[in-house]
Amino acid sequence: MADGSQGPPLTAQAGAVLLASKTGAPIVPLGWGADRYIAFRSWDRTVLPKPFARIAVKVGEPLTVPAGLKAAGIEEYRLKLEESLKENYREVWGRFGIKSH
């Protein structure tokens, strides 16, 4: 998740959107989940798949961000990115019957 180094967890930060606006590169939302993993006691509960775990990956539709966005536009695309990432998160973890890790 593009939740930044300080969180909060599962909340996309604006940096990726700003960078995409400046470079013209699309943002490709990606999510992954595992059936067996270790969850660290960090603010975002970082996970590490265990050996031989089954892993699911979902690549979302690329998000093209217009050039020269101002604050309101950046927020609009940040929310679009966040929703796409959360959808990927729910789908891949849901494949293993896990609502959240």
PDB file of N, CA and C in Angstrom:
ATOM      1  N   MET A   1       0.849  -1.169   0.000  1.00  0.00           N
ATOM      2  CA  MET A   1       0.000   0.000   0.000  1.00  0.00           C
ATOM      3  C   MET A   1       0.894   1.231   0.000  1.00  0.00           C
ATOM      4  N   ALA A   2       0.496   2.236  -0.696  1.00  0.00           N
ATOM      5  CA  ALA A   2       1.267   3.479  -0.769  1.00  0.00           C
ATOM      6  C   ALA A   2       0.939   4.357   0.433  1.00  0.00           C
ATOM      7  N   ASP A   3       1.088   3.772   1.627  1.00  0.00           N
ATOM      8  CA  ASP A   3       0.693   4.504   2.829  1.00  0.00           C
ATOM      9  C   ASP A   3       1.817   5.318   3.449  1.00  0.00           C
ATOM     10  N   GLY A   4       2.931   5.414   2.793  1.00  0.00           N
ATOM     11  CA  GLY A   4       4.010   6.264   3.284  1.00  0.00           C
ATOM     12  C   GLY A   4       4.722   5.662   4.478  1.00  0.00           C
ATOM     13  N   SER A   5       5.784   6.292   4.887  1.00  0.00           N
ATOM     14  CA  SER A   5       6.604   5.739   5.969  1.00  0.00           C
ATOM     15  C   SER A   5       6.032   5.982   7.358  1.00  0.00           C
ATOM     16  N   GLN A   6       5.075   6.876   7.480  1.00  0.00           N
ATOM     17  CA  GLN A   6       4.518   7.193   8.795  1.00  0.00           C
ATOM     18  C   GLN A   6       3.050   6.842   8.944  1.00  0.00           C
ATOM     19  N   GLY A   7       2.417   6.370   7.866  1.00  0.00           N
ATOM     20  CA  GLY A   7       1.020   5.960   7.958  1.00  0.00           C
ATOM     21  C   GLY A   7       0.078   7.117   7.788  1.00  0.00           C
ATOM     22  N   PRO A   8      -1.153   6.956   8.168  1.00  0.00           N
ATOM     23  CA  PRO A   8      -1.723   5.759   8.770  1.00  0.00           C
ATOM     24  C   PRO A   8      -1.823   4.611   7.770  1.00  0.00           C
ATOM     25  N   PRO A   9      -1.932   3.373   8.283  1.00  0.00           N
ATOM     26  CA  PRO A   9      -1.996   2.228   7.394  1.00  0.00           C
ATOM     27  C   PRO A   9      -3.225   2.272   6.487  1.00  0.00           C
ATOM     28  N   LEU A  10      -3.071   1.746   5.290  1.00  0.00           N
ATOM     29  CA  LEU A  10      -4.133   1.644   4.280  1.00  0.00           C
ATOM     30  C   LEU A  10      -4.681   2.999   3.838  1.00  0.00           C
ATOM     31  N   THR A  11      -3.893   4.042   3.991  1.00  0.00           N
ATOM     32  CA  THR A  11      -4.250   5.373   3.509  1.00  0.00           C
ATOM     33  C   THR A  11      -3.151   5.830   2.558  1.00  0.00           C
ATOM     34  N   ALA A  12      -3.483   5.907   1.262  1.00  0.00           N
ATOM     35  CA  ALA A  12      -2.488   6.306   0.267  1.00  0.00           C
ATOM     36  C   ALA A  12      -2.069   7.753   0.507  1.00  0.00           C
ATOM     37  N   GLN A  13      -0.797   8.006   0.339  1.00  0.00           N
ATOM     38  CA  GLN A  13      -0.278   9.359   0.464  1.00  0.00           C
ATOM     39  C   GLN A  13      -0.172   9.993  -0.926  1.00  0.00           C
ATOM     40  N   ALA A  14      -0.031  11.280  -0.976  1.00  0.00           N
ATOM     41  CA  ALA A  14      -0.099  12.027  -2.238  1.00  0.00           C
ATOM     42  C   ALA A  14       1.179  11.971  -3.076  1.00  0.00           C
ATOM     43  N   GLY A  15       2.270  11.468  -2.539  1.00  0.00           N
ATOM     44  CA  GLY A  15       3.545  11.499  -3.238  1.00  0.00           C
ATOM     45  C   GLY A  15       3.531  10.813  -4.592  1.00  0.00           C
ATOM     46  N   ALA A  16       2.929   9.637  -4.682  1.00  0.00           N
ATOM     47  CA  ALA A  16       2.876   8.908  -5.953  1.00  0.00           C
ATOM     48  C   ALA A  16       2.063   9.677  -6.987  1.00  0.00           C
ATOM     49  N   VAL A  17       0.976  10.305  -6.547  1.00  0.00           N
ATOM     50  CA  VAL A  17       0.129  11.075  -7.459  1.00  0.00           C
ATOM     51  C   VAL A  17       0.880  12.306  -7.955  1.00  0.00           C
ATOM     52  N   LEU A  18       1.552  12.992  -7.068  1.00  0.00           N
ATOM     53  CA  LEU A  18       2.326  14.175  -7.447  1.00  0.00           C
ATOM     54  C   LEU A  18       3.426  13.803  -8.441  1.00  0.00           C
ATOM     55  N   LEU A  19       4.128  12.718  -8.182  1.00  0.00           N
ATOM     56  CA  LEU A  19       5.184  12.264  -9.077  1.00  0.00           C
ATOM     57  C   LEU A  19       4.622  11.877 -10.452  1.00  0.00           C
ATOM     58  N   ALA A  20       3.489  11.182 -10.466  1.00  0.00           N
ATOM     59  CA  ALA A  20       2.859  10.804 -11.732  1.00  0.00           C
ATOM     60  C   ALA A  20       2.410  12.036 -12.509  1.00  0.00           C
ATOM     61  N   SER A  21       1.929  13.043 -11.802  1.00  0.00           N
ATOM     62  CA  SER A  21       1.498  14.284 -12.446  1.00  0.00           C
ATOM     63  C   SER A  21       2.684  15.001 -13.080  1.00  0.00           C
ATOM     64  N   LYS A  22       3.823  14.960 -12.423  1.00  0.00           N
ATOM     65  CA  LYS A  22       5.007  15.654 -12.922  1.00  0.00           C
ATOM     66  C   LYS A  22       5.710  14.895 -14.052  1.00  0.00           C
ATOM     67  N   THR A  23       5.649  13.544 -14.028  1.00  0.00           N
ATOM     68  CA  THR A  23       6.400  12.753 -15.006  1.00  0.00           C
ATOM     69  C   THR A  23       5.555  12.242 -16.167  1.00  0.00           C
ATOM     70  N   GLY A  24       4.244  12.151 -15.973  1.00  0.00           N
ATOM     71  CA  GLY A  24       3.384  11.584 -17.007  1.00  0.00           C
ATOM     72  C   GLY A  24       3.309  10.069 -16.962  1.00  0.00           C
ATOM     73  N   ALA A  25       4.017   9.459 -16.030  1.00  0.00           N
ATOM     74  CA  ALA A  25       3.982   7.994 -15.894  1.00  0.00           C
ATOM     75  C   ALA A  25       2.714   7.576 -15.163  1.00  0.00           C
ATOM     76  N   PRO A  26       2.053   6.514 -15.622  1.00  0.00           N
ATOM     77  CA  PRO A  26       0.857   6.048 -14.915  1.00  0.00           C
ATOM     78  C   PRO A  26       1.235   5.350 -13.612  1.00  0.00           C
ATOM     79  N   ILE A  27       0.275   5.279 -12.703  1.00  0.00           N
ATOM     80  CA  ILE A  27       0.448   4.535 -11.454  1.00  0.00           C
ATOM     81  C   ILE A  27      -0.256   3.201 -11.653  1.00  0.00           C
ATOM     82  N   VAL A  28       0.454   2.111 -11.400  1.00  0.00           N
ATOM     83  CA  VAL A  28      -0.134   0.780 -11.539  1.00  0.00           C
ATOM     84  C   VAL A  28      -0.367   0.213 -10.138  1.00  0.00           C
ATOM     85  N   PRO A  29      -1.634   0.179  -9.687  1.00  0.00           N
ATOM     86  CA  PRO A  29      -1.924  -0.335  -8.354  1.00  0.00           C
ATOM     87  C   PRO A  29      -1.750  -1.853  -8.298  1.00  0.00           C
ATOM     88  N   LEU A  30      -1.075  -2.309  -7.276  1.00  0.00           N
ATOM     89  CA  LEU A  30      -0.773  -3.721  -7.132  1.00  0.00           C
ATOM     90  C   LEU A  30      -1.103  -4.150  -5.716  1.00  0.00           C
ATOM     91  N   GLY A  31      -1.643  -5.344  -5.573  1.00  0.00           N
ATOM     92  CA  GLY A  31      -1.895  -5.891  -4.248  1.00  0.00           C
ATOM     93  C   GLY A  31      -1.442  -7.335  -4.198  1.00  0.00           C
ATOM     94  N   TRP A  32      -1.019  -7.786  -3.043  1.00  0.00           N
ATOM     95  CA  TRP A  32      -0.640  -9.185  -2.887  1.00  0.00           C
ATOM     96  C   TRP A  32      -1.059  -9.668  -1.516  1.00  0.00           C
ATOM     97  N   GLY A  33      -1.248 -10.971  -1.406  1.00  0.00           N
ATOM     98  CA  GLY A  33      -1.604 -11.599  -0.141  1.00  0.00           C
ATOM     99  C   GLY A  33      -1.011 -12.995  -0.097  1.00  0.00           C
ATOM    100  N   ALA A  34      -0.959 -13.570   1.077  1.00  0.00           N
ATOM    101  CA  ALA A  34      -0.387 -14.907   1.247  1.00  0.00           C
ATOM    102  C   ALA A  34      -1.237 -15.712   2.219  1.00  0.00           C
ATOM    103  N   ASP A  35      -1.233 -17.034   2.027  1.00  0.00           N
ATOM    104  CA  ASP A  35      -2.018 -17.877   2.919  1.00  0.00           C
ATOM    105  C   ASP A  35      -1.315 -18.134   4.249  1.00  0.00           C
ATOM    106  N   ARG A  36       0.016 -18.048   4.253  1.00  0.00           N
ATOM    107  CA  ARG A  36       0.791 -18.230   5.483  1.00  0.00           C
ATOM    108  C   ARG A  36       1.842 -17.131   5.547  1.00  0.00           C
ATOM    109  N   TYR A  37       1.904 -16.439   6.666  1.00  0.00           N
ATOM    110  CA  TYR A  37       2.803 -15.287   6.757  1.00  0.00           C
ATOM    111  C   TYR A  37       3.110 -14.962   8.206  1.00  0.00           C
ATOM    112  N   ILE A  38       4.125 -14.168   8.379  1.00  0.00           N
ATOM    113  CA  ILE A  38       4.470 -13.598   9.677  1.00  0.00           C
ATOM    114  C   ILE A  38       4.105 -12.118   9.602  1.00  0.00           C
ATOM    115  N   ALA A  39       3.345 -11.633  10.581  1.00  0.00           N
ATOM    116  CA  ALA A  39       2.999 -10.210  10.644  1.00  0.00           C
ATOM    117  C   ALA A  39       3.837  -9.562  11.741  1.00  0.00           C
ATOM    118  N   PHE A  40       4.586  -8.541  11.367  1.00  0.00           N
ATOM    119  CA  PHE A  40       5.417  -7.841  12.335  1.00  0.00           C
ATOM    120  C   PHE A  40       4.569  -6.886  13.165  1.00  0.00           C
ATOM    121  N   ARG A  41       5.032  -6.578  14.340  1.00  0.00           N
ATOM    122  CA  ARG A  41       4.310  -5.667  15.234  1.00  0.00           C
ATOM    123  C   ARG A  41       4.698  -4.220  14.951  1.00  0.00           C
ATOM    124  N   SER A  42       4.579  -3.838  13.700  1.00  0.00           N
ATOM    125  CA  SER A  42       4.883  -2.472  13.295  1.00  0.00           C
ATOM    126  C   SER A  42       3.569  -1.719  13.108  1.00  0.00           C
ATOM    127  N   TRP A  43       3.652  -0.420  12.895  1.00  0.00           N
ATOM    128  CA  TRP A  43       2.440   0.392  12.761  1.00  0.00           C
ATOM    129  C   TRP A  43       1.584  -0.062  11.591  1.00  0.00           C
ATOM    130  N   ASP A  44       2.204  -0.637  10.549  1.00  0.00           N
ATOM    131  CA  ASP A  44       1.439  -1.056   9.369  1.00  0.00           C
ATOM    132  C   ASP A  44       1.280  -2.574   9.273  1.00  0.00           C
ATOM    133  N   ARG A  45       1.757  -3.304  10.289  1.00  0.00           N
ATOM    134  CA  ARG A  45       1.694  -4.768  10.323  1.00  0.00           C
ATOM    135  C   ARG A  45       2.288  -5.382   9.050  1.00  0.00           C
ATOM    136  N   THR A  46       3.486  -4.966   8.708  1.00  0.00           N
ATOM    137  CA  THR A  46       4.208  -5.512   7.568  1.00  0.00           C
ATOM    138  C   THR A  46       4.201  -7.036   7.646  1.00  0.00           C
ATOM    139  N   VAL A  47       4.010  -7.684   6.502  1.00  0.00           N
ATOM    140  CA  VAL A  47       3.977  -9.141   6.481  1.00  0.00           C
ATOM    141  C   VAL A  47       5.104  -9.704   5.644  1.00  0.00           C
ATOM    142  N   LEU A  48       5.534 -10.898   6.026  1.00  0.00           N
ATOM    143  CA  LEU A  48       6.556 -11.647   5.320  1.00  0.00           C
ATOM    144  C   LEU A  48       5.979 -13.040   5.065  1.00  0.00           C
ATOM    145  N   PRO A  49       5.814 -13.429   3.810  1.00  0.00           N
ATOM    146  CA  PRO A  49       5.288 -14.775   3.537  1.00  0.00           C
ATOM    147  C   PRO A  49       6.218 -15.847   4.101  1.00  0.00           C
ATOM    148  N   LYS A  50       5.626 -16.903   4.638  1.00  0.00           N
ATOM    149  CA  LYS A  50       6.413 -18.028   5.127  1.00  0.00           C
ATOM    150  C   LYS A  50       6.862 -18.877   3.943  1.00  0.00           C
ATOM    151  N   PRO A  51       7.914 -19.683   4.141  1.00  0.00           N
ATOM    152  CA  PRO A  51       8.346 -20.561   3.049  1.00  0.00           C
ATOM    153  C   PRO A  51       7.196 -21.441   2.557  1.00  0.00           C
ATOM    154  N   PHE A  52       7.108 -21.601   1.271  1.00  0.00           N
ATOM    155  CA  PHE A  52       6.103 -22.428   0.588  1.00  0.00           C
ATOM    156  C   PHE A  52       4.679 -21.880   0.702  1.00  0.00           C
ATOM    157  N   ALA A  53       4.545 -20.625   1.095  1.00  0.00           N
ATOM    158  CA  ALA A  53       3.211 -20.010   1.151  1.00  0.00           C
ATOM    159  C   ALA A  53       2.675 -19.832  -0.262  1.00  0.00           C
ATOM    160  N   ARG A  54       1.358 -19.903  -0.392  1.00  0.00           N
ATOM    161  CA  ARG A  54       0.725 -19.548  -1.658  1.00  0.00           C
ATOM    162  C   ARG A  54       0.530 -18.036  -1.639  1.00  0.00           C
ATOM    163  N   ILE A  55       0.849 -17.395  -2.749  1.00  0.00           N
ATOM    164  CA  ILE A  55       0.762 -15.938  -2.842  1.00  0.00           C
ATOM    165  C   ILE A  55      -0.154 -15.579  -4.000  1.00  0.00           C
ATOM    166  N   ALA A  56      -1.056 -14.624  -3.752  1.00  0.00           N
ATOM    167  CA  ALA A  56      -1.938 -14.104  -4.802  1.00  0.00           C
ATOM    168  C   ALA A  56      -1.534 -12.669  -5.087  1.00  0.00           C
ATOM    169  N   VAL A  57      -1.565 -12.309  -6.369  1.00  0.00           N
ATOM    170  CA  VAL A  57      -1.205 -10.959  -6.790  1.00  0.00           C
ATOM    171  C   VAL A  57      -2.303 -10.431  -7.698  1.00  0.00           C
ATOM    172  N   LYS A  58      -2.677  -9.172  -7.516  1.00  0.00           N
ATOM    173  CA  LYS A  58      -3.628  -8.534  -8.422  1.00  0.00           C
ATOM    174  C   LYS A  58      -3.034  -7.208  -8.880  1.00  0.00           C
ATOM    175  N   VAL A  59      -2.996  -7.036 -10.200  1.00  0.00           N
ATOM    176  CA  VAL A  59      -2.541  -5.789 -10.788  1.00  0.00           C
ATOM    177  C   VAL A  59      -3.776  -5.049 -11.272  1.00  0.00           C
ATOM    178  N   GLY A  60      -3.983  -3.849 -10.762  1.00  0.00           N
ATOM    179  CA  GLY A  60      -5.144  -3.053 -11.139  1.00  0.00           C
ATOM    180  C   GLY A  60      -4.922  -2.288 -12.430  1.00  0.00           C
ATOM    181  N   GLU A  61      -5.966  -1.620 -12.858  1.00  0.00           N
ATOM    182  CA  GLU A  61      -5.885  -0.784 -14.059  1.00  0.00           C
ATOM    183  C   GLU A  61      -4.952   0.396 -13.800  1.00  0.00           C
ATOM    184  N   PRO A  62      -4.084   0.723 -14.745  1.00  0.00           N
ATOM    185  CA  PRO A  62      -3.199   1.880 -14.568  1.00  0.00           C
ATOM    186  C   PRO A  62      -4.009   3.163 -14.371  1.00  0.00           C
ATOM    187  N   LEU A  63      -3.542   3.995 -13.478  1.00  0.00           N
ATOM    188  CA  LEU A  63      -4.181   5.279 -13.194  1.00  0.00           C
ATOM    189  C   LEU A  63      -3.333   6.366 -13.847  1.00  0.00           C
ATOM    190  N   THR A  64      -3.885   6.988 -14.877  1.00  0.00           N
ATOM    191  CA  THR A  64      -3.191   8.073 -15.557  1.00  0.00           C
ATOM    192  C   THR A  64      -3.560   9.384 -14.892  1.00  0.00           C
ATOM    193  N   VAL A  65      -2.561  10.126 -14.473  1.00  0.00           N
ATOM    194  CA  VAL A  65      -2.763  11.370 -13.741  1.00  0.00           C
ATOM    195  C   VAL A  65      -2.425  12.543 -14.664  1.00  0.00           C
ATOM    196  N   PRO A  66      -3.344  13.506 -14.803  1.00  0.00           N
ATOM    197  CA  PRO A  66      -3.055  14.664 -15.669  1.00  0.00           C
ATOM    198  C   PRO A  66      -1.870  15.496 -15.149  1.00  0.00           C
ATOM    199  N   ALA A  67      -1.199  16.142 -16.060  1.00  0.00           N
ATOM    200  CA  ALA A  67      -0.067  17.002 -15.694  1.00  0.00           C
ATOM    201  C   ALA A  67      -0.556  18.278 -15.019  1.00  0.00           C
ATOM    202  N   GLY A  68       0.267  18.824 -14.154  1.00  0.00           N
ATOM    203  CA  GLY A  68       0.003  20.129 -13.546  1.00  0.00           C
ATOM    204  C   GLY A  68      -1.149  20.183 -12.568  1.00  0.00           C
ATOM    205  N   LEU A  69      -1.410  19.093 -11.864  1.00  0.00           N
ATOM    206  CA  LEU A  69      -2.521  19.094 -10.904  1.00  0.00           C
ATOM    207  C   LEU A  69      -2.244  20.023  -9.729  1.00  0.00           C
ATOM    208  N   LYS A  70      -3.284  20.664  -9.258  1.00  0.00           N
ATOM    209  CA  LYS A  70      -3.216  21.475  -8.034  1.00  0.00           C
ATOM    210  C   LYS A  70      -3.711  20.614  -6.873  1.00  0.00           C
ATOM    211  N   ALA A  71      -3.785  21.183  -5.691  1.00  0.00           N
ATOM    212  CA  ALA A  71      -4.104  20.434  -4.474  1.00  0.00           C
ATOM    213  C   ALA A  71      -5.405  19.636  -4.575  1.00  0.00           C
ATOM    214  N   ALA A  72      -6.478  20.237  -5.065  1.00  0.00           N
ATOM    215  CA  ALA A  72      -7.763  19.537  -5.146  1.00  0.00           C
ATOM    216  C   ALA A  72      -7.681  18.353  -6.106  1.00  0.00           C
ATOM    217  N   GLY A  73      -6.993  18.521  -7.217  1.00  0.00           N
ATOM    218  CA  GLY A  73      -6.832  17.443  -8.180  1.00  0.00           C
ATOM    219  C   GLY A  73      -5.975  16.318  -7.648  1.00  0.00           C
ATOM    220  N   ILE A  74      -4.927  16.676  -6.925  1.00  0.00           N
ATOM    221  CA  ILE A  74      -4.063  15.662  -6.318  1.00  0.00           C
ATOM    222  C   ILE A  74      -4.865  14.836  -5.329  1.00  0.00           C
ATOM    223  N   GLU A  75      -5.695  15.484  -4.540  1.00  0.00           N
ATOM    224  CA  GLU A  75      -6.526  14.768  -3.572  1.00  0.00           C
ATOM    225  C   GLU A  75      -7.522  13.847  -4.277  1.00  0.00           C
ATOM    226  N   GLU A  76      -8.110  14.303  -5.359  1.00  0.00           N
ATOM    227  CA  GLU A  76      -9.062  13.479  -6.117  1.00  0.00           C
ATOM    228  C   GLU A  76      -8.383  12.194  -6.608  1.00  0.00           C
ATOM    229  N   TYR A  77      -7.198  12.318  -7.174  1.00  0.00           N
ATOM    230  CA  TYR A  77      -6.488  11.148  -7.688  1.00  0.00           C
ATOM    231  C   TYR A  77      -5.893  10.304  -6.569  1.00  0.00           C
ATOM    232  N   ARG A  78      -5.539  10.924  -5.454  1.00  0.00           N
ATOM    233  CA  ARG A  78      -5.073  10.161  -4.286  1.00  0.00           C
ATOM    234  C   ARG A  78      -6.176   9.238  -3.806  1.00  0.00           C
ATOM    235  N   LEU A  79      -7.412   9.753  -3.758  1.00  0.00           N
ATOM    236  CA  LEU A  79      -8.549   8.935  -3.325  1.00  0.00           C
ATOM    237  C   LEU A  79      -8.832   7.805  -4.317  1.00  0.00           C
ATOM    238  N   LYS A  80      -8.703   8.082  -5.619  1.00  0.00           N
ATOM    239  CA  LYS A  80      -8.886   7.035  -6.632  1.00  0.00           C
ATOM    240  C   LYS A  80      -7.834   5.938  -6.451  1.00  0.00           C
ATOM    241  N   LEU A  81      -6.583   6.350  -6.243  1.00  0.00           N
ATOM    242  CA  LEU A  81      -5.507   5.392  -6.024  1.00  0.00           C
ATOM    243  C   LEU A  81      -5.771   4.569  -4.777  1.00  0.00           C
ATOM    244  N   GLU A  82      -6.142   5.227  -3.701  1.00  0.00           N
ATOM    245  CA  GLU A  82      -6.394   4.539  -2.439  1.00  0.00           C
ATOM    246  C   GLU A  82      -7.509   3.507  -2.592  1.00  0.00           C
ATOM    247  N   GLU A  83      -8.593   3.856  -3.265  1.00  0.00           N
ATOM    248  CA  GLU A  83      -9.701   2.920  -3.439  1.00  0.00           C
ATOM    249  C   GLU A  83      -9.270   1.715  -4.274  1.00  0.00           C
ATOM    250  N   SER A  84      -8.494   1.955  -5.325  1.00  0.00           N
ATOM    251  CA  SER A  84      -8.011   0.853  -6.153  1.00  0.00           C
ATOM    252  C   SER A  84      -7.093  -0.072  -5.354  1.00  0.00           C
ATOM    253  N   LEU A  85      -6.210   0.501  -4.560  1.00  0.00           N
ATOM    254  CA  LEU A  85      -5.312  -0.304  -3.734  1.00  0.00           C
ATOM    255  C   LEU A  85      -6.082  -1.111  -2.695  1.00  0.00           C
ATOM    256  N   LYS A  86      -7.083  -0.492  -2.077  1.00  0.00           N
ATOM    257  CA  LYS A  86      -7.895  -1.205  -1.081  1.00  0.00           C
ATOM    258  C   LYS A  86      -8.693  -2.335  -1.727  1.00  0.00           C
ATOM    259  N   GLU A  87      -9.189  -2.105  -2.934  1.00  0.00           N
ATOM    260  CA  GLU A  87      -9.919  -3.148  -3.653  1.00  0.00           C
ATOM    261  C   GLU A  87      -8.986  -4.336  -3.921  1.00  0.00           C
ATOM    262  N   ASN A  88      -7.778  -4.062  -4.389  1.00  0.00           N
ATOM    263  CA  ASN A  88      -6.798  -5.123  -4.616  1.00  0.00           C
ATOM    264  C   ASN A  88      -6.489  -5.859  -3.320  1.00  0.00           C
ATOM    265  N   TYR A  89      -6.299  -5.113  -2.236  1.00  0.00           N
ATOM    266  CA  TYR A  89      -5.988  -5.678  -0.924  1.00  0.00           C
ATOM    267  C   TYR A  89      -7.089  -6.632  -0.477  1.00  0.00           C
ATOM    268  N   ARG A  90      -8.345  -6.156  -0.544  1.00  0.00           N
ATOM    269  CA  ARG A  90      -9.471  -6.996  -0.115  1.00  0.00           C
ATOM    270  C   ARG A  90      -9.566  -8.262  -0.962  1.00  0.00           C
ATOM    271  N   GLU A  91      -9.366  -8.123  -2.267  1.00  0.00           N
ATOM    272  CA  GLU A  91      -9.495  -9.278  -3.157  1.00  0.00           C
ATOM    273  C   GLU A  91      -8.425 -10.325  -2.895  1.00  0.00           C
ATOM    274  N   VAL A  92      -7.164  -9.917  -2.835  1.00  0.00           N
ATOM    275  CA  VAL A  92      -6.096 -10.912  -2.705  1.00  0.00           C
ATOM    276  C   VAL A  92      -6.099 -11.580  -1.334  1.00  0.00           C
ATOM    277  N   TRP A  93      -6.335 -10.835  -0.280  1.00  0.00           N
ATOM    278  CA  TRP A  93      -6.397 -11.460   1.037  1.00  0.00           C
ATOM    279  C   TRP A  93      -7.669 -12.275   1.184  1.00  0.00           C
ATOM    280  N   GLY A  94      -8.734 -11.840   0.542  1.00  0.00           N
ATOM    281  CA  GLY A  94     -10.003 -12.575   0.570  1.00  0.00           C
ATOM    282  C   GLY A  94      -9.902 -13.942  -0.081  1.00  0.00           C
ATOM    283  N   ARG A  95      -9.009 -14.089  -1.044  1.00  0.00           N
ATOM    284  CA  ARG A  95      -8.803 -15.405  -1.681  1.00  0.00           C
ATOM    285  C   ARG A  95      -8.389 -16.465  -0.667  1.00  0.00           C
ATOM    286  N   PHE A  96      -7.793 -16.027   0.431  1.00  0.00           N
ATOM    287  CA  PHE A  96      -7.354 -16.954   1.480  1.00  0.00           C
ATOM    288  C   PHE A  96      -8.278 -16.896   2.702  1.00  0.00           C
ATOM    289  N   GLY A  97      -9.394 -16.223   2.572  1.00  0.00           N
ATOM    290  CA  GLY A  97     -10.336 -16.121   3.693  1.00  0.00           C
ATOM    291  C   GLY A  97      -9.872 -15.189   4.788  1.00  0.00           C
ATOM    292  N   ILE A  98      -8.988 -14.252   4.448  1.00  0.00           N
ATOM    293  CA  ILE A  98      -8.438 -13.325   5.430  1.00  0.00           C
ATOM    294  C   ILE A  98      -8.977 -11.932   5.104  1.00  0.00           C
ATOM    295  N   LYS A  99      -9.637 -11.298   6.082  1.00  0.00           N
ATOM    296  CA  LYS A  99     -10.192  -9.963   5.849  1.00  0.00           C
ATOM    297  C   LYS A  99      -9.123  -8.883   5.946  1.00  0.00           C
ATOM    298  N   SER A 100      -8.203  -9.033   6.868  1.00  0.00           N
ATOM    299  CA  SER A 100      -7.058  -8.125   6.993  1.00  0.00           C
ATOM    300  C   SER A 100      -5.964  -8.849   7.748  1.00  0.00           C
ATOM    301  N   HIS A 101      -4.766  -8.429   7.558  1.00  0.00           N
ATOM    302  CA  HIS A 101      -3.660  -9.093   8.261  1.00  0.00           C
ATOM    303  C   HIS A 101      -3.212  -8.260   9.446  1.00  0.00           C
TER     304      HIS A 101
END
